[in-house]
PDB file of all heavy atoms in Angstrom:
ATOM      1  N   ILE A   1      86.761 179.137 138.841  1.00  0.00           N
ATOM      2  CA  ILE A   1      88.083 178.647 138.589  1.00  0.00           C
ATOM      3  C   ILE A   1      88.917 179.958 138.210  1.00  0.00           C
ATOM      4  O   ILE A   1      90.044 180.142 138.758  1.00  0.00           O
ATOM      5  CB  ILE A   1      88.158 177.691 137.441  1.00  0.00           C
ATOM      6  CG1 ILE A   1      87.622 176.355 137.909  1.00  0.00           C
ATOM      7  CG2 ILE A   1      89.593 177.531 136.995  1.00  0.00           C
ATOM      8  CD1 ILE A   1      87.656 175.261 136.836  1.00  0.00           C
ATOM      9  N   ALA A   2      88.518 180.839 137.430  1.00  0.00           N
ATOM     10  CA  ALA A   2      89.176 181.992 136.974  1.00  0.00           C
ATOM     11  C   ALA A   2      89.453 183.016 138.126  1.00  0.00           C
ATOM     12  O   ALA A   2      90.332 183.742 138.127  1.00  0.00           O
ATOM     13  CB  ALA A   2      88.347 182.698 135.856  1.00  0.00           C
ATOM     14  N   LYS A   3      88.616 182.921 139.202  1.00  0.00           N
ATOM     15  CA  LYS A   3      88.758 183.741 140.261  1.00  0.00           C
ATOM     16  C   LYS A   3      90.006 183.330 141.178  1.00  0.00           C
ATOM     17  O   LYS A   3      90.762 184.158 141.705  1.00  0.00           O
ATOM     18  CB  LYS A   3      87.523 183.848 141.165  1.00  0.00           C
ATOM     19  CG  LYS A   3      87.819 184.726 142.424  1.00  0.00           C
ATOM     20  CD  LYS A   3      86.454 184.808 143.266  1.00  0.00           C
ATOM     21  CE  LYS A   3      86.725 185.657 144.547  1.00  0.00           C
ATOM     22  NZ  LYS A   3      85.501 185.781 145.334  1.00  0.00           N
ATOM     23  N   PHE A   4      90.131 181.985 141.260  1.00  0.00           N
ATOM     24  CA  PHE A   4      91.072 181.402 142.186  1.00  0.00           C
ATOM     25  C   PHE A   4      92.321 180.960 141.544  1.00  0.00           C
ATOM     26  O   PHE A   4      93.357 180.609 142.223  1.00  0.00           O
ATOM     27  CB  PHE A   4      90.484 180.328 143.026  1.00  0.00           C
ATOM     28  CG  PHE A   4      89.470 180.804 143.954  1.00  0.00           C
ATOM     29  CD1 PHE A   4      88.079 180.713 143.653  1.00  0.00           C
ATOM     30  CD2 PHE A   4      89.758 181.449 145.199  1.00  0.00           C
ATOM     31  CE1 PHE A   4      87.081 181.201 144.509  1.00  0.00           C
ATOM     32  CE2 PHE A   4      88.818 181.915 146.027  1.00  0.00           C
ATOM     33  CZ  PHE A   4      87.420 181.859 145.694  1.00  0.00           C
ATOM     34  N   ALA A   5      92.370 180.872 140.212  1.00  0.00           N
ATOM     35  CA  ALA A   5      93.509 180.411 139.493  1.00  0.00           C
ATOM     36  C   ALA A   5      93.781 181.230 138.242  1.00  0.00           C
ATOM     37  O   ALA A   5      92.782 181.717 137.590  1.00  0.00           O
ATOM     38  CB  ALA A   5      93.345 178.873 139.033  1.00  0.00           C
ATOM     39  N   LYS A   6      95.073 181.393 137.817  1.00  0.00           N
ATOM     40  CA  LYS A   6      95.395 182.097 136.588  1.00  0.00           C
ATOM     41  C   LYS A   6      95.269 181.178 135.437  1.00  0.00           C
ATOM     42  O   LYS A   6      95.903 180.048 135.464  1.00  0.00           O
ATOM     43  CB  LYS A   6      96.823 182.718 136.682  1.00  0.00           C
ATOM     44  CG  LYS A   6      96.889 183.726 137.848  1.00  0.00           C
ATOM     45  CD  LYS A   6      98.379 184.182 137.973  1.00  0.00           C
ATOM     46  CE  LYS A   6      98.456 185.263 139.149  1.00  0.00           C
ATOM     47  NZ  LYS A   6      99.838 185.683 139.276  1.00  0.00           N
ATOM     48  N   VAL A   7      94.437 181.551 134.467  1.00  0.00           N
ATOM     49  CA  VAL A   7      94.111 180.616 133.379  1.00  0.00           C
ATOM     50  C   VAL A   7      94.312 181.299 132.047  1.00  0.00           C
ATOM     51  O   VAL A   7      93.701 182.370 131.782  1.00  0.00           O
ATOM     52  CB  VAL A   7      92.652 180.118 133.512  1.00  0.00           C
ATOM     53  CG1 VAL A   7      92.304 179.210 132.317  1.00  0.00           C
ATOM     54  CG2 VAL A   7      92.362 179.438 134.798  1.00  0.00           C
ATOM     55  N   ASP A   8      95.138 180.687 131.230  1.00  0.00           N
ATOM     56  CA  ASP A   8      95.342 181.305 129.836  1.00  0.00           C
ATOM     57  C   ASP A   8      94.403 180.649 128.900  1.00  0.00           C
ATOM     58  O   ASP A   8      93.524 179.810 129.233  1.00  0.00           O
ATOM     59  CB  ASP A   8      96.771 181.158 129.353  1.00  0.00           C
ATOM     60  CG  ASP A   8      97.204 179.720 129.199  1.00  0.00           C
ATOM     61  OD1 ASP A   8      96.307 178.851 128.949  1.00  0.00           O
ATOM     62  OD2 ASP A   8      98.419 179.388 129.170  1.00  0.00           O
ATOM     63  N   ASN A   9      94.326 181.090 127.641  1.00  0.00           N
ATOM     64  CA  ASN A   9      93.311 180.718 126.628  1.00  0.00           C
ATOM     65  C   ASN A   9      93.308 179.172 126.376  1.00  0.00           C
ATOM     66  O   ASN A   9      92.301 178.536 126.362  1.00  0.00           O
ATOM     67  CB  ASN A   9      93.508 181.407 125.283  1.00  0.00           C
ATOM     68  CG  ASN A   9      93.078 182.868 125.439  1.00  0.00           C
ATOM     69  OD1 ASN A   9      92.333 183.240 126.335  1.00  0.00           O
ATOM     70  ND2 ASN A   9      93.594 183.703 124.458  1.00  0.00           N
ATOM     71  N   ALA A  10      94.563 178.528 126.232  1.00  0.00           N
ATOM     72  CA  ALA A  10      94.605 177.167 126.080  1.00  0.00           C
ATOM     73  C   ALA A  10      94.196 176.315 127.189  1.00  0.00           C
ATOM     74  O   ALA A  10      93.409 175.323 127.103  1.00  0.00           O
ATOM     75  CB  ALA A  10      96.074 176.757 125.720  1.00  0.00           C
ATOM     76  N   GLN A  11      94.516 176.862 128.415  1.00  0.00           N
ATOM     77  CA  GLN A  11      94.019 176.092 129.636  1.00  0.00           C
ATOM     78  C   GLN A  11      92.579 176.259 129.809  1.00  0.00           C
ATOM     79  O   GLN A  11      91.883 175.282 130.125  1.00  0.00           O
ATOM     80  CB  GLN A  11      94.733 176.798 130.820  1.00  0.00           C
ATOM     81  CG  GLN A  11      96.251 176.469 130.942  1.00  0.00           C
ATOM     82  CD  GLN A  11      96.822 177.335 132.015  1.00  0.00           C
ATOM     83  OE1 GLN A  11      96.420 178.459 132.367  1.00  0.00           O
ATOM     84  NE2 GLN A  11      98.080 176.907 132.495  1.00  0.00           N
ATOM     85  N   TYR A  12      91.950 177.328 129.409  1.00  0.00           N
ATOM     86  CA  TYR A  12      90.511 177.634 129.552  1.00  0.00           C
ATOM     87  C   TYR A  12      89.723 176.606 128.614  1.00  0.00           C
ATOM     88  O   TYR A  12      88.793 176.026 129.068  1.00  0.00           O
ATOM     89  CB  TYR A  12      90.182 179.042 129.206  1.00  0.00           C
ATOM     90  CG  TYR A  12      88.699 179.288 129.347  1.00  0.00           C
ATOM     91  CD1 TYR A  12      88.146 179.742 130.554  1.00  0.00           C
ATOM     92  CD2 TYR A  12      87.815 179.258 128.258  1.00  0.00           C
ATOM     93  CE1 TYR A  12      86.815 180.013 130.706  1.00  0.00           C
ATOM     94  CE2 TYR A  12      86.526 179.434 128.387  1.00  0.00           C
ATOM     95  CZ  TYR A  12      86.003 179.831 129.654  1.00  0.00           C
ATOM     96  OH  TYR A  12      84.647 180.069 129.778  1.00  0.00           O
ATOM     97  N   ARG A  13      90.289 176.425 127.386  1.00  0.00           N
ATOM     98  CA  ARG A  13      89.678 175.581 126.479  1.00  0.00           C
ATOM     99  C   ARG A  13      89.614 174.095 126.970  1.00  0.00           C
ATOM    100  O   ARG A  13      88.672 173.391 126.981  1.00  0.00           O
ATOM    101  CB  ARG A  13      90.367 175.566 125.053  1.00  0.00           C
ATOM    102  CG  ARG A  13      90.067 176.846 124.361  1.00  0.00           C
ATOM    103  CD  ARG A  13      90.457 176.712 122.895  1.00  0.00           C
ATOM    104  NE  ARG A  13      91.922 176.565 122.772  1.00  0.00           N
ATOM    105  CZ  ARG A  13      92.758 177.602 122.639  1.00  0.00           C
ATOM    106  NH1 ARG A  13      92.282 178.766 122.679  1.00  0.00           N
ATOM    107  NH2 ARG A  13      93.995 177.476 122.491  1.00  0.00           N
ATOM    108  N   LEU A  14      90.739 173.674 127.659  1.00  0.00           N
ATOM    109  CA  LEU A  14      90.810 172.335 128.185  1.00  0.00           C
ATOM    110  C   LEU A  14      89.846 172.225 129.385  1.00  0.00           C
ATOM    111  O   LEU A  14      89.068 171.211 129.515  1.00  0.00           O
ATOM    112  CB  LEU A  14      92.268 172.071 128.655  1.00  0.00           C
ATOM    113  CG  LEU A  14      92.507 170.731 129.397  1.00  0.00           C
ATOM    114  CD1 LEU A  14      92.108 169.572 128.425  1.00  0.00           C
ATOM    115  CD2 LEU A  14      93.905 170.551 129.818  1.00  0.00           C
ATOM    116  N   LEU A  15      89.862 173.278 130.200  1.00  0.00           N
ATOM    117  CA  LEU A  15      88.992 173.191 131.430  1.00  0.00           C
ATOM    118  C   LEU A  15      87.480 173.185 131.025  1.00  0.00           C
ATOM    119  O   LEU A  15      86.697 172.515 131.553  1.00  0.00           O
ATOM    120  CB  LEU A  15      89.284 174.448 132.321  1.00  0.00           C
ATOM    121  CG  LEU A  15      90.644 174.512 132.993  1.00  0.00           C
ATOM    122  CD1 LEU A  15      90.821 175.857 133.556  1.00  0.00           C
ATOM    123  CD2 LEU A  15      90.701 173.407 134.069  1.00  0.00           C
ATOM    124  N   LYS A  16      87.141 174.026 129.982  1.00  0.00           N
ATOM    125  CA  LYS A  16      85.778 174.004 129.459  1.00  0.00           C
ATOM    126  C   LYS A  16      85.296 172.704 128.940  1.00  0.00           C
ATOM    127  O   LYS A  16      84.172 172.219 129.194  1.00  0.00           O
ATOM    128  CB  LYS A  16      85.638 175.057 128.384  1.00  0.00           C
ATOM    129  CG  LYS A  16      84.204 175.278 128.018  1.00  0.00           C
ATOM    130  CD  LYS A  16      84.030 176.408 126.956  1.00  0.00           C
ATOM    131  CE  LYS A  16      82.627 176.607 126.507  1.00  0.00           C
ATOM    132  NZ  LYS A  16      82.509 177.751 125.505  1.00  0.00           N
ATOM    133  N   ASN A  17      86.246 171.905 128.359  1.00  0.00           N
ATOM    134  CA  ASN A  17      86.005 170.606 127.795  1.00  0.00           C
ATOM    135  C   ASN A  17      85.811 169.585 128.985  1.00  0.00           C
ATOM    136  O   ASN A  17      85.096 168.583 128.786  1.00  0.00           O
ATOM    137  CB  ASN A  17      87.003 170.179 126.847  1.00  0.00           C
ATOM    138  CG  ASN A  17      86.772 168.864 126.100  1.00  0.00           C
ATOM    139  OD1 ASN A  17      85.561 168.627 125.801  1.00  0.00           O
ATOM    140  ND2 ASN A  17      87.744 168.139 125.859  1.00  0.00           N
ATOM    141  N   ALA A  18      86.557 169.787 130.064  1.00  0.00           N
ATOM    142  CA  ALA A  18      86.627 168.775 131.109  1.00  0.00           C
ATOM    143  C   ALA A  18      85.700 168.960 132.243  1.00  0.00           C
ATOM    144  O   ALA A  18      85.472 168.020 133.027  1.00  0.00           O
ATOM    145  CB  ALA A  18      88.078 168.721 131.556  1.00  0.00           C
ATOM    146  N   THR A  19      85.152 170.151 132.379  1.00  0.00           N
ATOM    147  CA  THR A  19      84.341 170.341 133.667  1.00  0.00           C
ATOM    148  C   THR A  19      82.841 170.495 133.327  1.00  0.00           C
ATOM    149  O   THR A  19      82.533 170.881 132.193  1.00  0.00           O
ATOM    150  CB  THR A  19      84.810 171.660 134.290  1.00  0.00           C
ATOM    151  OG1 THR A  19      84.691 172.780 133.344  1.00  0.00           O
ATOM    152  CG2 THR A  19      86.205 171.604 134.745  1.00  0.00           C
ATOM    153  N   PRO A  20      81.980 170.008 134.213  1.00  0.00           N
ATOM    154  CA  PRO A  20      82.357 169.356 135.496  1.00  0.00           C
ATOM    155  C   PRO A  20      82.763 167.903 135.294  1.00  0.00           C
ATOM    156  O   PRO A  20      82.418 167.355 134.333  1.00  0.00           O
ATOM    157  CB  PRO A  20      81.141 169.454 136.327  1.00  0.00           C
ATOM    158  CG  PRO A  20      80.012 169.406 135.275  1.00  0.00           C
ATOM    159  CD  PRO A  20      80.531 170.050 134.050  1.00  0.00           C
ATOM    160  N   GLY A  21      83.530 167.425 136.215  1.00  0.00           N
ATOM    161  CA  GLY A  21      83.989 165.951 136.069  1.00  0.00           C
ATOM    162  C   GLY A  21      85.061 165.592 137.080  1.00  0.00           C
ATOM    163  O   GLY A  21      85.536 166.475 137.922  1.00  0.00           O
ATOM    164  N   PRO A  22      85.469 164.303 137.019  1.00  0.00           N
ATOM    165  CA  PRO A  22      86.433 163.823 138.002  1.00  0.00           C
ATOM    166  C   PRO A  22      87.896 164.192 137.748  1.00  0.00           C
ATOM    167  O   PRO A  22      88.733 163.281 137.596  1.00  0.00           O
ATOM    168  CB  PRO A  22      86.210 162.293 137.892  1.00  0.00           C
ATOM    169  CG  PRO A  22      85.929 162.138 136.438  1.00  0.00           C
ATOM    170  CD  PRO A  22      85.112 163.312 135.997  1.00  0.00           C
ATOM    171  N   TRP A  23      88.148 165.545 137.653  1.00  0.00           N
ATOM    172  CA  TRP A  23      89.494 166.007 137.406  1.00  0.00           C
ATOM    173  C   TRP A  23      90.020 166.981 138.365  1.00  0.00           C
ATOM    174  O   TRP A  23      89.151 167.807 138.915  1.00  0.00           O
ATOM    175  CB  TRP A  23      89.615 166.685 135.989  1.00  0.00           C
ATOM    176  CG  TRP A  23      88.901 165.899 134.866  1.00  0.00           C
ATOM    177  CD1 TRP A  23      87.589 165.992 134.490  1.00  0.00           C
ATOM    178  CD2 TRP A  23      89.556 165.032 134.003  1.00  0.00           C
ATOM    179  NE1 TRP A  23      87.366 165.113 133.468  1.00  0.00           N
ATOM    180  CE2 TRP A  23      88.593 164.431 133.148  1.00  0.00           C
ATOM    181  CE3 TRP A  23      90.854 164.468 133.955  1.00  0.00           C
ATOM    182  CZ2 TRP A  23      88.864 163.525 132.234  1.00  0.00           C
ATOM    183  CZ3 TRP A  23      91.151 163.553 132.984  1.00  0.00           C
ATOM    184  CH2 TRP A  23      90.099 163.046 132.096  1.00  0.00           C
ATOM    185  N   THR A  24      91.141 166.891 138.823  1.00  0.00           N
ATOM    186  CA  THR A  24      91.792 168.037 139.534  1.00  0.00           C
ATOM    187  C   THR A  24      92.929 168.605 138.760  1.00  0.00           C
ATOM    188  O   THR A  24      93.857 167.845 138.305  1.00  0.00           O
ATOM    189  CB  THR A  24      92.364 167.497 140.866  1.00  0.00           C
ATOM    190  OG1 THR A  24      91.310 166.888 141.784  1.00  0.00           O
ATOM    191  CG2 THR A  24      93.099 168.551 141.723  1.00  0.00           C
ATOM    192  N   PHE A  25      92.856 169.938 138.604  1.00  0.00           N
ATOM    193  CA  PHE A  25      93.921 170.605 137.837  1.00  0.00           C
ATOM    194  C   PHE A  25      94.729 171.458 138.673  1.00  0.00           C
ATOM    195  O   PHE A  25      94.293 172.217 139.543  1.00  0.00           O
ATOM    196  CB  PHE A  25      93.228 171.564 136.687  1.00  0.00           C
ATOM    197  CG  PHE A  25      92.378 170.788 135.746  1.00  0.00           C
ATOM    198  CD1 PHE A  25      91.026 170.578 135.893  1.00  0.00           C
ATOM    199  CD2 PHE A  25      93.017 170.229 134.680  1.00  0.00           C
ATOM    200  CE1 PHE A  25      90.314 169.918 134.980  1.00  0.00           C
ATOM    201  CE2 PHE A  25      92.320 169.495 133.739  1.00  0.00           C
ATOM    202  CZ  PHE A  25      90.961 169.259 133.894  1.00  0.00           C
ATOM    203  N   ILE A  26      96.130 171.312 138.492  1.00  0.00           N
ATOM    204  CA  ILE A  26      97.043 172.138 139.217  1.00  0.00           C
ATOM    205  C   ILE A  26      97.274 173.410 138.417  1.00  0.00           C
ATOM    206  O   ILE A  26      97.737 173.427 137.195  1.00  0.00           O
ATOM    207  CB  ILE A  26      98.426 171.390 139.444  1.00  0.00           C
ATOM    208  CG1 ILE A  26      98.185 170.023 140.072  1.00  0.00           C
ATOM    209  CG2 ILE A  26      99.304 172.193 140.343  1.00  0.00           C
ATOM    210  CD1 ILE A  26      97.460 170.113 141.442  1.00  0.00           C
ATOM    211  N   LEU A  27      97.009 174.557 139.052  1.00  0.00           N
ATOM    212  CA  LEU A  27      97.088 175.778 138.297  1.00  0.00           C
ATOM    213  C   LEU A  27      97.818 176.849 139.259  1.00  0.00           C
ATOM    214  O   LEU A  27      97.882 176.609 140.475  1.00  0.00           O
ATOM    215  CB  LEU A  27      95.680 176.413 137.944  1.00  0.00           C
ATOM    216  CG  LEU A  27      94.948 175.538 136.871  1.00  0.00           C
ATOM    217  CD1 LEU A  27      93.420 175.780 137.038  1.00  0.00           C
ATOM    218  CD2 LEU A  27      95.454 175.971 135.504  1.00  0.00           C
ATOM    219  N   GLU A  28      98.266 177.891 138.624  1.00  0.00           N
ATOM    220  CA  GLU A  28      98.902 178.962 139.410  1.00  0.00           C
ATOM    221  C   GLU A  28      97.785 179.722 140.153  1.00  0.00           C
ATOM    222  O   GLU A  28      96.815 180.171 139.600  1.00  0.00           O
ATOM    223  CB  GLU A  28      99.606 179.918 138.477  1.00  0.00           C
ATOM    224  CG  GLU A  28     100.420 181.074 139.248  1.00  0.00           C
ATOM    225  CD  GLU A  28     101.142 181.942 138.330  1.00  0.00           C
ATOM    226  OE1 GLU A  28     101.175 181.683 137.105  1.00  0.00           O
ATOM    227  OE2 GLU A  28     101.690 182.928 138.835  1.00  0.00           O
ATOM    228  N   ALA A  29      98.012 179.863 141.463  1.00  0.00           N
ATOM    229  CA  ALA A  29      96.935 180.451 142.307  1.00  0.00           C
ATOM    230  C   ALA A  29      96.974 181.983 142.182  1.00  0.00           C
ATOM    231  O   ALA A  29      98.024 182.638 142.029  1.00  0.00           O
ATOM    232  CB  ALA A  29      97.228 180.097 143.843  1.00  0.00           C
TER     233      ALA A  29
END
């Protein structure tokens, strides 16, 4: 995810909590 999308600390914490799973996140490419 970090390779293909720009992720800040707050976003990273949310992604860590949610993945893997049935979620699609819109992020800056």
